Amino acid sequence: MSHLQVESRDGRCWRVPITSGVFRIGKTPENHLALNVASISRQHCEIRTDNGRAVVCDLGSRNGTYVEGARVEKERVLKSGERIQLGEYTITYLDETAPPAAPLPHPAVPTAPPVAEADEVVIPPDLRRSLHQDLLKSLDLKRLDVTKMSAAELRRKTEEAVQEVVQRRAREIPPAVPRPALIKDIVDQAVGLGPLEELLKDPGISEIMVNNCDHIYVERRGRIELTRRQFLDNQHVIEVIRRIIAPIGRRIDESSPMVDARLPDGSRVNAIIPPLAVSGPSITIRKFFQKKLGFSDLVGFGTLTENMARFLELCVQNRRNMCISGGTGSGKTTLLNVLASCIPTEERIITIEDSAELRLPQDHVVSLESKTANIEGEGAIPIRKLVINALRMRPDRIIVGECRGGEALDMLQAMNTGHDGSLTTLHANTCRDAIARLETMVLMAGMELPSKAILDQIASAIHIIVQTSRFSDGTRRVTHITAVVGKEGDVITLQDVFKFKQTGVGPGGKTLGHYEATGTVPEFVHDLRKRGVDTDLAMFRA
């Protein structure tokens, strides 16, 4: 007889006998095993058994069927002891008539890197919550003056208290739960960022998305995955948000339910709580890439080609005003960092951002960050005020992390009045859309300017638009490098210099295509050659 051992993310575990040659698993009741949660499709997969052979087949499920971490494209033969991952459920196939292909790794044995090992440790939520409550009683936080303690000292005292609690309740702790992992988990819940701690340390994760206390997703290598980690409850999520924003003097409550912040390593954080977040408090963390990237890295990633990189570097060094356009998560800020790193070291740079993410290697850099209102609703300093103030700071270049509103007018005026070589980003799907969005943002400044005057400002201020995109396979590419040629009537004229041409989709959804030069040589390149600047025109050959 064959069985399925089903484990849910909340610690429940049960066995189900395979009673049919075609055993179907899905959300609806007519399945042999019904798992009624959002991550499971109506008819998710099926297990076919015949003469001691078992095969798992995916039935076109939305979230996929995985066996030992590998996605099942059509079908896969199962061996006894192999684990099937369906959304938030782990299902182990057990055939009593055959020995397992390999023993399941015990959580206490270090068979994987620390982060991956910790991710496999499942601590029953009731045990975690109970130990956490005992810890609070043991520490007596009301009598403990944490304001006079460093973070390291507070963590040490908390760890000592957790060890005492765990030792006192040793008989209640399942043998399968490693003590070091359990102690670290409780300490993280009490004084750290809870289940986010290990995710933040994992270099393979680029983004963390908390939908509510028990749904934490990550982006790993461009793919979004649901993790097995959970907060104690929604109140615990709010406590972690407050720990994140406390050092930078920001607040979150019902009167101010949204906040932007950053972690000490530079990672960008957005949080939103009820009543705006209906399903529970939500956190989105865009992790800061610790390694300083250069054009060689982007070429290695396939984001652009060497010729495209050479051209962009030429634009920066010769003071072309550039706008990076793209969707959320398409790599705009990463590219902005790389471009800004090419600015000569003797120039004075002013950076302006909502949350300071830019990390420039130059010494002569002044970083400005906007400020939200205080608890009385006063004291807000928006991006626009900082742009206006930056003009009084004798900048050679102004870099605005992202134009979202009326600051676009001030940015264009700065570009037109002696601050050539300035850089910014904005959200738009195409280079043409970027022009339209700039026009809309200028109108948001509240100045009653005619459309013709706005387009004249844009045409004379912006020299190059770089369009970035994030494809379905998770790759990020520069899809267009476009020169702003001028204005004909009421239309700004654009010419593509380089572009990415997609030719199809390969195995596993991989985007196929190639980069090509259009043969267009921007006018400023000819001007450089006339002035004796050595410029290789070979990069522009189609």
Protein backbone atom coordinates (compact mmCIF):
# COMPACT_ATOMS: atom_id res chain seq x y z
CA MET A 1 0.00 0.00 0.00
CA SER A 2 1.22 3.52 -0.85
CA HIS A 3 0.52 6.61 1.22
CA LEU A 4 0.95 10.35 1.04
CA GLN A 5 2.21 12.14 4.14
CA VAL A 6 0.78 15.66 3.98
CA GLU A 7 2.37 18.52 5.95
CA SER A 8 0.81 21.96 6.09
CA ARG A 9 2.70 25.15 6.78
CA ASP A 10 0.98 25.56 10.15
CA GLY A 11 2.52 22.31 11.43
CA ARG A 12 -0.39 19.91 10.80
CA CYS A 13 0.59 16.50 9.45
CA TRP A 14 -1.53 13.53 8.34
CA ARG A 15 -1.42 10.46 6.09
CA VAL A 16 -3.68 9.70 3.15
CA PRO A 17 -3.77 6.24 1.50
CA ILE A 18 -3.59 6.17 -2.30
CA THR A 19 -6.83 4.32 -2.99
CA SER A 20 -7.07 4.77 -6.75
CA GLY A 21 -4.88 4.10 -9.74
CA VAL A 22 -5.39 7.75 -10.67
CA PHE A 23 -5.26 9.75 -7.44
CA ARG A 24 -6.16 13.41 -8.00
CA ILE A 25 -5.20 16.37 -5.78
CA GLY A 26 -6.80 19.80 -5.97
CA LYS A 27 -8.89 22.48 -4.28
CA THR A 28 -12.42 21.18 -4.97
CA PRO A 29 -14.17 18.39 -2.96
CA GLU A 30 -14.37 15.92 -5.86
CA ASN A 31 -10.59 15.36 -5.69
CA HIS A 32 -9.26 12.36 -3.76
CA LEU A 33 -7.22 14.81 -1.66
CA ALA A 34 -8.89 18.22 -1.34
CA LEU A 35 -6.67 21.12 -0.19
CA ASN A 36 -8.89 24.18 -0.17
CA VAL A 37 -6.36 27.06 -0.15
CA ALA A 38 -5.59 29.82 -2.67
CA SER A 39 -2.22 28.35 -3.74
CA ILE A 40 -3.84 25.11 -4.97
CA SER A 41 -5.66 24.92 -8.32
CA ARG A 42 -9.09 23.29 -8.71
CA GLN A 43 -7.44 20.22 -10.26
CA HIS A 44 -3.77 20.65 -9.41
CA CYS A 45 -2.05 17.32 -10.11
CA GLU A 46 -2.57 13.57 -10.06
CA ILE A 47 -0.56 10.52 -9.05
CA ARG A 48 -0.91 7.46 -11.29
CA THR A 49 0.14 4.10 -9.85
CA ASP A 50 0.50 0.86 -11.80
CA ASN A 51 2.47 -2.32 -10.94
CA GLY A 52 4.45 -0.59 -8.19
CA ARG A 53 5.32 2.41 -10.38
CA ALA A 54 4.09 5.89 -9.42
CA VAL A 55 4.06 8.92 -11.70
CA VAL A 56 3.05 12.47 -10.72
CA CYS A 57 1.48 14.62 -13.45
CA ASP A 58 0.78 18.34 -13.27
CA LEU A 59 -2.68 19.29 -14.57
CA GLY A 60 -1.85 22.79 -15.75
CA SER A 61 -1.83 24.26 -12.25
CA ARG A 62 -1.22 27.98 -11.78
CA ASN A 63 1.54 27.67 -9.14
CA GLY A 64 3.09 24.46 -10.44
CA THR A 65 3.97 21.04 -9.01
CA TYR A 66 7.50 20.53 -7.66
CA VAL A 67 9.31 17.30 -6.76
CA GLU A 68 12.44 17.75 -4.64
CA GLY A 69 12.60 21.38 -5.78
CA ALA A 70 12.33 20.70 -9.53
CA ARG A 71 9.20 21.74 -11.39
CA VAL A 72 7.22 18.97 -13.08
CA GLU A 73 6.65 20.09 -16.67
CA LYS A 74 4.51 17.11 -17.74
CA GLU A 75 5.12 14.08 -15.55
CA ARG A 76 7.79 12.53 -13.34
CA VAL A 77 8.36 9.10 -11.84
CA LEU A 78 8.16 9.15 -8.04
CA LYS A 79 10.42 7.25 -5.66
CA SER A 80 9.47 6.41 -2.11
CA GLY A 81 10.48 9.23 0.20
CA GLU A 82 10.47 11.97 -2.44
CA ARG A 83 8.72 15.21 -1.51
CA ILE A 84 6.12 16.98 -3.63
CA GLN A 85 5.61 20.71 -3.06
CA LEU A 86 2.12 22.04 -3.81
CA GLY A 87 1.80 25.66 -2.75
CA GLU A 88 2.02 25.72 1.04
CA TYR A 89 1.83 21.91 1.39
CA THR A 90 4.69 19.41 1.39
CA ILE A 91 3.55 15.91 0.43
CA THR A 92 5.88 12.92 0.86
CA TYR A 93 5.21 9.85 -1.28
CA LEU A 94 5.67 6.64 0.76
CA ASP A 95 5.66 3.18 -0.77
CA GLU A 96 5.89 0.54 2.00
CA THR A 97 6.82 -2.16 -0.52
CA ALA A 98 10.03 -0.42 -1.60
CA PRO A 99 12.88 1.22 0.34
CA PRO A 100 13.25 4.97 -0.14
CA ALA A 101 15.80 6.11 -2.68
CA ALA A 102 17.61 8.09 -0.02
CA PRO A 103 16.84 8.92 3.60
CA LEU A 104 15.19 12.26 4.24
CA PRO A 105 17.68 14.72 5.72
CA HIS A 106 17.18 15.34 9.44
CA PRO A 107 16.88 19.06 10.16
CA ALA A 108 19.67 18.90 12.76
CA VAL A 109 22.23 17.61 10.24
CA PRO A 110 23.97 20.47 8.38
CA THR A 111 23.54 19.18 4.82
CA ALA A 112 22.91 22.60 3.21
CA PRO A 113 23.98 26.24 3.58
CA PRO A 114 22.69 27.81 6.82
CA VAL A 115 19.88 29.80 5.20
CA ALA A 116 18.50 26.87 3.27
CA GLU A 117 18.75 24.61 6.35
CA ALA A 118 16.91 27.12 8.52
CA ASP A 119 14.19 27.39 5.92
CA GLU A 120 13.49 23.64 6.24
CA VAL A 121 12.99 23.78 10.03
CA VAL A 122 9.26 23.76 10.75
CA ILE A 123 8.36 25.06 14.22
CA PRO A 124 4.71 24.51 15.22
CA PRO A 125 3.06 27.96 15.49
CA ASP A 126 1.46 27.15 18.87
CA LEU A 127 4.86 26.23 20.33
CA ARG A 128 6.47 29.37 18.92
CA ARG A 129 3.70 31.59 20.30
CA SER A 130 3.78 29.90 23.72
CA LEU A 131 7.57 30.20 24.06
CA HIS A 132 7.39 33.83 23.00
CA GLN A 133 4.84 34.58 25.73
CA ASP A 134 7.01 32.81 28.32
CA LEU A 135 9.97 34.88 27.16
CA LEU A 136 8.09 38.15 27.71
CA LYS A 137 7.24 37.07 31.27
CA SER A 138 10.81 35.96 31.92
CA LEU A 139 12.39 39.18 30.64
CA ASP A 140 9.88 41.43 32.42
CA LEU A 141 10.38 44.11 29.78
CA LYS A 142 8.54 46.69 31.87
CA ARG A 143 11.38 46.62 34.41
CA LEU A 144 14.15 46.20 31.84
CA ASP A 145 15.40 49.58 30.57
CA VAL A 146 16.10 48.74 26.92
CA THR A 147 16.83 52.40 26.10
CA LYS A 148 20.21 52.11 27.83
CA MET A 149 21.16 48.89 26.05
CA SER A 150 22.82 48.45 22.68
CA ALA A 151 21.18 46.19 20.12
CA ALA A 152 23.87 43.54 20.67
CA GLU A 153 23.40 43.62 24.47
CA LEU A 154 19.62 43.39 24.18
CA ARG A 155 19.95 40.42 21.84
CA ARG A 156 22.41 38.71 24.21
CA LYS A 157 20.12 39.12 27.22
CA THR A 158 17.14 37.92 25.18
CA GLU A 159 19.06 34.86 23.99
CA GLU A 160 20.00 33.96 27.58
CA ALA A 161 16.35 34.24 28.62
CA VAL A 162 15.19 32.10 25.66
CA GLN A 163 17.71 29.38 26.55
CA GLU A 164 16.27 29.25 30.08
CA VAL A 165 12.69 29.04 28.76
CA VAL A 166 13.59 26.28 26.27
CA GLN A 167 15.45 24.31 28.93
CA ARG A 168 12.50 24.60 31.33
CA ARG A 169 10.05 23.33 28.70
CA ALA A 170 12.35 20.81 27.03
CA ARG A 171 9.82 17.94 27.26
CA GLU A 172 7.27 19.86 25.18
CA ILE A 173 9.64 20.47 22.28
CA PRO A 174 9.48 17.87 19.47
CA PRO A 175 12.79 16.04 18.88
CA ALA A 176 12.67 17.04 15.19
CA VAL A 177 13.03 20.73 16.08
CA PRO A 178 16.75 21.62 16.53
CA ARG A 179 17.35 23.64 19.71
CA PRO A 180 19.75 26.22 18.14
CA ALA A 181 17.28 26.94 15.33
CA LEU A 182 14.41 27.20 17.81
CA ILE A 183 16.32 29.61 20.10
CA LYS A 184 17.38 31.79 17.17
CA ASP A 185 13.81 31.84 15.85
CA ILE A 186 12.35 33.03 19.18
CA VAL A 187 15.08 35.68 19.60
CA ASP A 188 14.40 36.96 16.07
CA GLN A 189 10.67 37.14 16.87
CA ALA A 190 11.31 39.09 20.09
CA VAL A 191 13.99 41.65 19.15
CA GLY A 192 14.71 41.17 15.44
CA LEU A 193 12.70 41.14 12.27
CA GLY A 194 11.21 37.72 12.94
CA PRO A 195 10.88 35.46 9.88
CA LEU A 196 12.48 38.11 7.68
CA GLU A 197 15.93 37.79 9.30
CA GLU A 198 17.17 34.81 7.29
CA LEU A 199 15.48 35.99 4.10
CA LEU A 200 17.41 39.26 4.30
CA LYS A 201 20.68 37.31 4.66
CA ASP A 202 20.00 35.11 1.62
CA PRO A 203 21.99 36.62 -1.29
CA GLY A 204 19.78 34.80 -3.80
CA ILE A 205 16.69 36.78 -2.77
CA SER A 206 16.16 40.19 -4.38
CA GLU A 207 12.74 41.09 -2.96
CA ILE A 208 10.61 40.11 0.04
CA MET A 209 6.83 40.53 -0.01
CA VAL A 210 4.71 40.06 3.12
CA ASN A 211 1.00 39.90 2.24
CA ASN A 212 -0.06 39.21 5.85
CA CYS A 213 1.23 37.28 8.85
CA ASP A 214 1.18 33.86 7.16
CA HIS A 215 1.91 34.65 3.50
CA ILE A 216 5.53 35.67 2.86
CA TYR A 217 6.76 35.59 -0.74
CA VAL A 218 10.26 36.17 -2.12
CA GLU A 219 11.72 36.88 -5.53
CA ARG A 220 14.60 34.53 -6.22
CA ARG A 221 16.43 34.72 -9.56
CA GLY A 222 13.49 36.60 -11.04
CA ARG A 223 10.86 34.07 -9.89
CA ILE A 224 8.34 34.66 -7.10
CA GLU A 225 8.07 31.85 -4.52
CA LEU A 226 5.88 31.34 -1.47
CA THR A 227 8.01 30.59 1.61
CA ARG A 228 7.14 28.48 4.65
CA ARG A 229 7.91 31.31 7.06
CA GLN A 230 5.25 33.01 9.17
CA PHE A 231 4.83 35.79 11.71
CA LEU A 232 3.12 35.05 15.03
CA ASP A 233 0.10 37.15 13.99
CA ASN A 234 -0.73 40.41 12.24
CA GLN A 235 0.15 42.43 15.33
CA HIS A 236 3.64 40.93 15.16
CA VAL A 237 3.95 42.21 11.57
CA ILE A 238 3.09 45.73 12.74
CA GLU A 239 5.66 45.48 15.56
CA VAL A 240 8.35 44.53 13.03
CA ILE A 241 7.36 47.48 10.81
CA ARG A 242 7.78 49.80 13.79
CA ARG A 243 11.21 48.33 14.55
CA ILE A 244 12.23 49.09 10.96
CA ILE A 245 11.02 52.70 10.92
CA ALA A 246 11.92 53.72 14.50
CA PRO A 247 15.63 54.54 13.77
CA ILE A 248 14.66 57.00 11.00
CA GLY A 249 11.99 58.77 13.02
CA ARG A 250 8.95 57.73 11.01
CA ARG A 251 5.63 56.36 12.27
CA ILE A 252 2.80 54.11 11.19
CA ASP A 253 -0.70 53.96 12.70
CA GLU A 254 -4.33 54.26 11.62
CA SER A 255 -3.95 57.99 10.93
CA SER A 256 -0.78 57.40 8.88
CA PRO A 257 -1.09 53.82 7.56
CA MET A 258 1.62 53.98 4.87
CA VAL A 259 5.36 54.49 5.25
CA ASP A 260 8.55 54.31 3.19
CA ALA A 261 11.81 53.51 4.93
CA ARG A 262 15.13 51.76 4.49
CA LEU A 263 17.12 49.19 6.40
CA PRO A 264 20.67 49.85 7.66
CA ASP A 265 22.09 48.03 4.61
CA GLY A 266 20.21 50.37 2.25
CA SER A 267 17.35 48.02 1.35
CA ARG A 268 14.15 49.91 0.51
CA VAL A 269 11.02 49.20 2.59
CA ASN A 270 7.38 50.03 1.96
CA ALA A 271 4.74 49.13 4.56
CA ILE A 272 0.99 49.56 4.62
CA ILE A 273 -1.42 48.50 7.38
CA PRO A 274 -5.20 48.34 7.95
CA PRO A 275 -7.57 49.99 7.27
CA LEU A 276 -5.89 50.45 3.88
CA ALA A 277 -4.49 46.89 3.73
CA VAL A 278 -7.69 44.86 3.99
CA SER A 279 -6.14 41.38 4.36
CA GLY A 280 -3.57 42.44 6.98
CA PRO A 281 -0.38 44.52 7.24
CA SER A 282 1.88 44.29 4.20
CA ILE A 283 5.64 44.81 3.84
CA THR A 284 7.64 45.03 0.60
CA ILE A 285 11.44 45.04 0.85
CA ARG A 286 13.59 45.71 -2.21
CA LYS A 287 16.96 44.37 -1.09
CA PHE A 288 20.01 46.49 -1.65
CA PHE A 289 22.65 44.74 -3.74
CA GLN A 290 25.79 44.89 -1.57
CA LYS A 291 28.20 44.47 -4.46
CA LYS A 292 28.81 47.69 -6.41
CA LEU A 293 27.89 46.86 -9.97
CA GLY A 294 29.52 48.23 -13.10
CA PHE A 295 28.80 48.02 -16.79
CA SER A 296 30.80 44.78 -17.00
CA ASP A 297 28.36 43.17 -14.55
CA LEU A 298 25.32 44.34 -16.53
CA VAL A 299 26.87 42.99 -19.73
CA GLY A 300 27.47 39.68 -17.94
CA PHE A 301 23.82 39.59 -16.81
CA GLY A 302 22.67 40.15 -20.40
CA THR A 303 21.09 43.49 -19.48
CA LEU A 304 22.87 45.22 -22.39
CA THR A 305 25.82 44.75 -24.75
CA GLU A 306 29.35 46.13 -24.59
CA ASN A 307 28.62 48.64 -27.36
CA MET A 308 25.52 49.86 -25.51
CA ALA A 309 27.58 50.21 -22.33
CA ARG A 310 30.29 52.16 -24.16
CA PHE A 311 27.69 54.50 -25.62
CA LEU A 312 25.99 55.15 -22.27
CA GLU A 313 29.35 55.83 -20.63
CA LEU A 314 30.14 58.27 -23.46
CA CYS A 315 26.81 60.02 -22.82
CA VAL A 316 27.49 60.43 -19.09
CA GLN A 317 31.05 61.64 -19.49
CA ASN A 318 29.98 64.18 -22.12
CA ARG A 319 27.15 65.57 -20.02
CA ARG A 320 24.07 64.29 -21.82
CA ASN A 321 20.86 64.62 -19.80
CA MET A 322 19.40 61.14 -19.46
CA CYS A 323 16.08 59.70 -18.34
CA ILE A 324 15.74 56.01 -17.42
CA SER A 325 12.22 54.76 -18.03
CA GLY A 326 10.65 51.43 -17.09
CA GLY A 327 8.21 49.52 -14.96
CA THR A 328 8.47 48.55 -11.31
CA GLY A 329 11.36 46.16 -10.66
CA SER A 330 12.80 46.57 -14.16
CA GLY A 331 16.25 47.63 -12.92
CA LYS A 332 16.00 51.44 -13.22
CA THR A 333 17.74 52.23 -9.93
CA THR A 334 20.50 49.67 -10.57
CA LEU A 335 21.22 51.20 -13.96
CA LEU A 336 21.07 54.73 -12.48
CA ASN A 337 23.72 53.70 -9.94
CA VAL A 338 25.98 52.39 -12.69
CA LEU A 339 25.52 55.47 -14.88
CA ALA A 340 26.14 57.87 -11.99
CA SER A 341 29.36 56.01 -11.15
CA CYS A 342 30.77 57.18 -14.51
CA ILE A 343 30.55 60.87 -13.56
CA PRO A 344 34.06 62.40 -13.25
CA THR A 345 35.28 62.58 -9.64
CA GLU A 346 35.99 66.33 -9.73
CA GLU A 347 32.30 67.21 -10.26
CA ARG A 348 29.89 68.07 -7.43
CA ILE A 349 26.88 65.72 -7.41
CA ILE A 350 23.58 66.26 -5.55
CA THR A 351 21.36 63.17 -5.25
CA ILE A 352 17.69 63.51 -4.29
CA GLU A 353 15.56 60.51 -3.32
CA ASP A 354 12.55 59.43 -1.28
CA SER A 355 14.65 56.68 0.33
CA ALA A 356 18.39 57.01 -0.19
CA GLU A 357 19.45 54.02 -2.33
CA LEU A 358 22.18 55.43 -4.54
CA ARG A 359 25.71 54.48 -3.52
CA LEU A 360 28.21 56.46 -5.56
CA PRO A 361 31.99 55.96 -5.42
CA GLN A 362 32.79 59.66 -5.87
CA ASP A 363 33.80 61.76 -2.84
CA HIS A 364 32.07 65.00 -3.81
CA VAL A 365 28.47 63.79 -3.31
CA VAL A 366 25.67 65.31 -1.23
CA SER A 367 22.72 62.96 -0.65
CA LEU A 368 19.32 64.48 0.12
CA GLU A 369 16.27 62.53 1.25
CA SER A 370 12.64 63.70 1.40
CA LYS A 371 10.83 63.86 4.73
CA THR A 372 7.28 62.83 5.60
CA ALA A 373 4.99 64.77 7.90
CA ASN A 374 5.28 64.39 11.68
CA ILE A 375 2.51 63.15 13.97
CA GLU A 376 0.83 66.58 13.77
CA GLY A 377 0.81 66.38 9.97
CA GLU A 378 3.48 69.05 9.60
CA GLY A 379 7.09 69.26 8.53
CA ALA A 380 6.87 67.30 5.25
CA ILE A 381 9.68 68.08 2.77
CA PRO A 382 8.78 66.68 -0.69
CA ILE A 383 11.16 65.91 -3.53
CA ARG A 384 10.22 69.13 -5.31
CA LYS A 385 11.46 71.36 -2.48
CA LEU A 386 14.73 69.44 -2.42
CA VAL A 387 15.20 69.91 -6.18
CA ILE A 388 14.64 73.65 -5.80
CA ASN A 389 17.06 73.78 -2.86
CA ALA A 390 19.67 71.73 -4.75
CA LEU A 391 19.91 74.53 -7.33
CA ARG A 392 21.30 76.76 -4.56
CA MET A 393 23.98 74.23 -3.63
CA ARG A 394 26.24 74.82 -6.64
CA PRO A 395 25.73 71.37 -8.22
CA ASP A 396 27.49 70.22 -11.37
CA ARG A 397 24.99 67.38 -11.69
CA ILE A 398 21.63 66.69 -10.12
CA ILE A 399 20.37 63.11 -9.82
CA VAL A 400 16.72 62.62 -8.90
CA GLY A 401 16.09 59.01 -7.89
CA GLU A 402 12.59 59.08 -9.37
CA CYS A 403 10.37 61.82 -10.81
CA ARG A 404 6.76 61.27 -9.74
CA GLY A 405 5.14 64.70 -9.80
CA GLY A 406 5.73 68.42 -10.05
CA GLU A 407 9.46 68.08 -9.41
CA ALA A 408 9.72 67.12 -13.11
CA LEU A 409 9.30 70.81 -14.04
CA ASP A 410 12.15 71.89 -11.75
CA MET A 411 14.31 69.02 -13.02
CA LEU A 412 13.76 70.06 -16.66
CA GLN A 413 14.55 73.68 -15.82
CA ALA A 414 17.76 72.61 -14.08
CA MET A 415 18.78 70.58 -17.14
CA ASN A 416 18.12 73.63 -19.32
CA THR A 417 20.05 76.07 -17.14
CA GLY A 418 23.59 74.79 -16.91
CA HIS A 419 23.26 71.46 -15.13
CA ASP A 420 23.90 69.24 -18.15
CA GLY A 421 24.58 65.59 -17.49
CA SER A 422 21.81 65.24 -14.91
CA LEU A 423 19.99 61.93 -14.49
CA THR A 424 16.57 60.75 -13.34
CA THR A 425 14.15 57.81 -13.60
CA LEU A 426 10.41 57.55 -14.11
CA HIS A 427 7.73 54.91 -14.62
CA ALA A 428 6.68 54.38 -18.25
CA ASN A 429 6.29 51.42 -20.60
CA THR A 430 7.95 52.93 -23.69
CA CYS A 431 10.17 55.86 -24.58
CA ARG A 432 7.21 57.60 -26.19
CA ASP A 433 5.17 57.04 -23.02
CA ALA A 434 8.03 58.56 -21.02
CA ILE A 435 7.62 61.82 -22.94
CA ALA A 436 3.88 61.83 -22.27
CA ARG A 437 4.44 61.08 -18.60
CA LEU A 438 6.95 63.91 -18.27
CA GLU A 439 4.39 66.27 -19.78
CA THR A 440 1.75 65.09 -17.28
CA MET A 441 4.11 65.48 -14.32
CA VAL A 442 5.00 69.04 -15.35
CA LEU A 443 1.29 69.90 -15.29
CA MET A 444 1.17 68.48 -11.73
CA ALA A 445 3.45 71.33 -10.65
CA GLY A 446 0.40 73.60 -10.79
CA MET A 447 1.86 75.96 -13.40
CA GLU A 448 -0.56 76.82 -16.19
CA LEU A 449 1.87 76.20 -19.02
CA PRO A 450 0.70 75.56 -22.59
CA SER A 451 1.46 72.12 -24.00
CA LYS A 452 3.81 73.64 -26.60
CA ALA A 453 5.97 75.26 -23.91
CA ILE A 454 6.18 72.00 -21.95
CA LEU A 455 7.18 70.00 -25.03
CA ASP A 456 9.82 72.63 -25.89
CA GLN A 457 11.26 72.22 -22.37
CA ILE A 458 11.34 68.43 -22.69
CA ALA A 459 12.85 68.45 -26.19
CA SER A 460 15.69 70.76 -25.17
CA ALA A 461 16.32 69.22 -21.74
CA ILE A 462 16.29 65.43 -22.35
CA HIS A 463 18.95 64.07 -24.71
CA ILE A 464 18.74 60.28 -24.15
CA ILE A 465 15.94 57.98 -22.92
CA VAL A 466 16.92 54.49 -21.73
CA GLN A 467 14.01 52.04 -21.58
CA THR A 468 14.26 49.04 -19.25
CA SER A 469 11.93 46.04 -18.98
CA ARG A 470 11.49 42.99 -16.80
CA PHE A 471 10.55 39.93 -18.85
CA SER A 472 8.38 36.99 -17.83
CA ASP A 473 11.42 34.79 -17.10
CA GLY A 474 12.63 37.34 -14.53
CA THR A 475 15.44 38.79 -16.67
CA ARG A 476 15.90 42.56 -16.81
CA ARG A 477 17.08 44.17 -20.02
CA VAL A 478 17.65 47.56 -21.59
CA THR A 479 15.18 47.29 -24.48
CA HIS A 480 15.82 50.70 -26.10
CA ILE A 481 18.40 53.46 -26.01
CA THR A 482 16.72 56.33 -27.78
CA ALA A 483 17.95 59.81 -28.74
CA VAL A 484 15.65 62.82 -28.48
CA VAL A 485 16.28 64.48 -31.84
CA GLY A 486 14.09 67.56 -31.57
CA LYS A 487 10.53 68.67 -32.18
CA GLU A 488 8.43 68.69 -35.33
CA GLY A 489 5.22 70.61 -34.86
CA ASP A 490 3.64 69.30 -31.66
CA VAL A 491 5.53 66.00 -31.67
CA ILE A 492 8.93 65.28 -30.12
CA THR A 493 11.07 63.30 -32.55
CA LEU A 494 12.79 60.17 -31.23
CA GLN A 495 15.36 57.91 -32.89
CA ASP A 496 16.36 54.49 -31.55
CA VAL A 497 20.12 54.01 -31.30
CA PHE A 498 20.05 50.47 -29.87
CA LYS A 499 17.17 48.09 -29.20
CA PHE A 500 16.45 44.56 -28.03
CA LYS A 501 14.47 42.39 -30.44
CA GLN A 502 12.67 39.43 -28.87
CA THR A 503 12.47 36.42 -31.16
CA GLY A 504 10.53 33.98 -29.01
CA VAL A 505 10.37 32.01 -25.79
CA GLY A 506 12.66 29.08 -25.09
CA PRO A 507 12.56 26.11 -22.69
CA GLY A 508 11.37 27.00 -19.20
CA GLY A 509 9.92 30.29 -20.42
CA LYS A 510 13.36 31.80 -21.15
CA THR A 511 13.18 34.96 -23.25
CA LEU A 512 15.01 34.62 -26.58
CA GLY A 513 16.24 37.56 -28.60
CA HIS A 514 19.18 39.74 -29.52
CA TYR A 515 20.41 43.34 -29.32
CA GLU A 516 20.98 45.36 -32.43
CA ALA A 517 22.24 48.80 -33.37
CA THR A 518 19.94 50.73 -35.69
CA GLY A 519 22.75 52.57 -37.48
CA THR A 520 21.67 55.94 -36.05
CA VAL A 521 24.54 58.10 -34.80
CA PRO A 522 23.35 60.85 -32.41
CA GLU A 523 24.27 64.40 -33.42
CA PHE A 524 26.35 65.04 -30.30
CA VAL A 525 28.71 62.21 -31.32
CA HIS A 526 29.53 64.04 -34.56
CA ASP A 527 30.12 67.21 -32.53
CA LEU A 528 32.54 65.34 -30.29
CA ARG A 529 34.50 64.09 -33.29
CA LYS A 530 34.70 67.64 -34.67
CA ARG A 531 36.22 68.74 -31.36
CA GLY A 532 38.82 66.01 -31.58
CA VAL A 533 37.29 63.58 -29.09
CA ASP A 534 38.18 60.03 -30.14
CA THR A 535 34.87 58.29 -30.75
CA ASP A 536 34.60 54.86 -32.36
CA LEU A 537 31.66 54.87 -34.77
CA ALA A 538 31.88 51.08 -35.12
CA MET A 539 29.59 50.68 -32.10
CA PHE A 540 26.70 52.17 -34.11
CA ARG A 541 26.97 49.83 -37.10
CA ALA A 542 23.82 47.81 -37.65
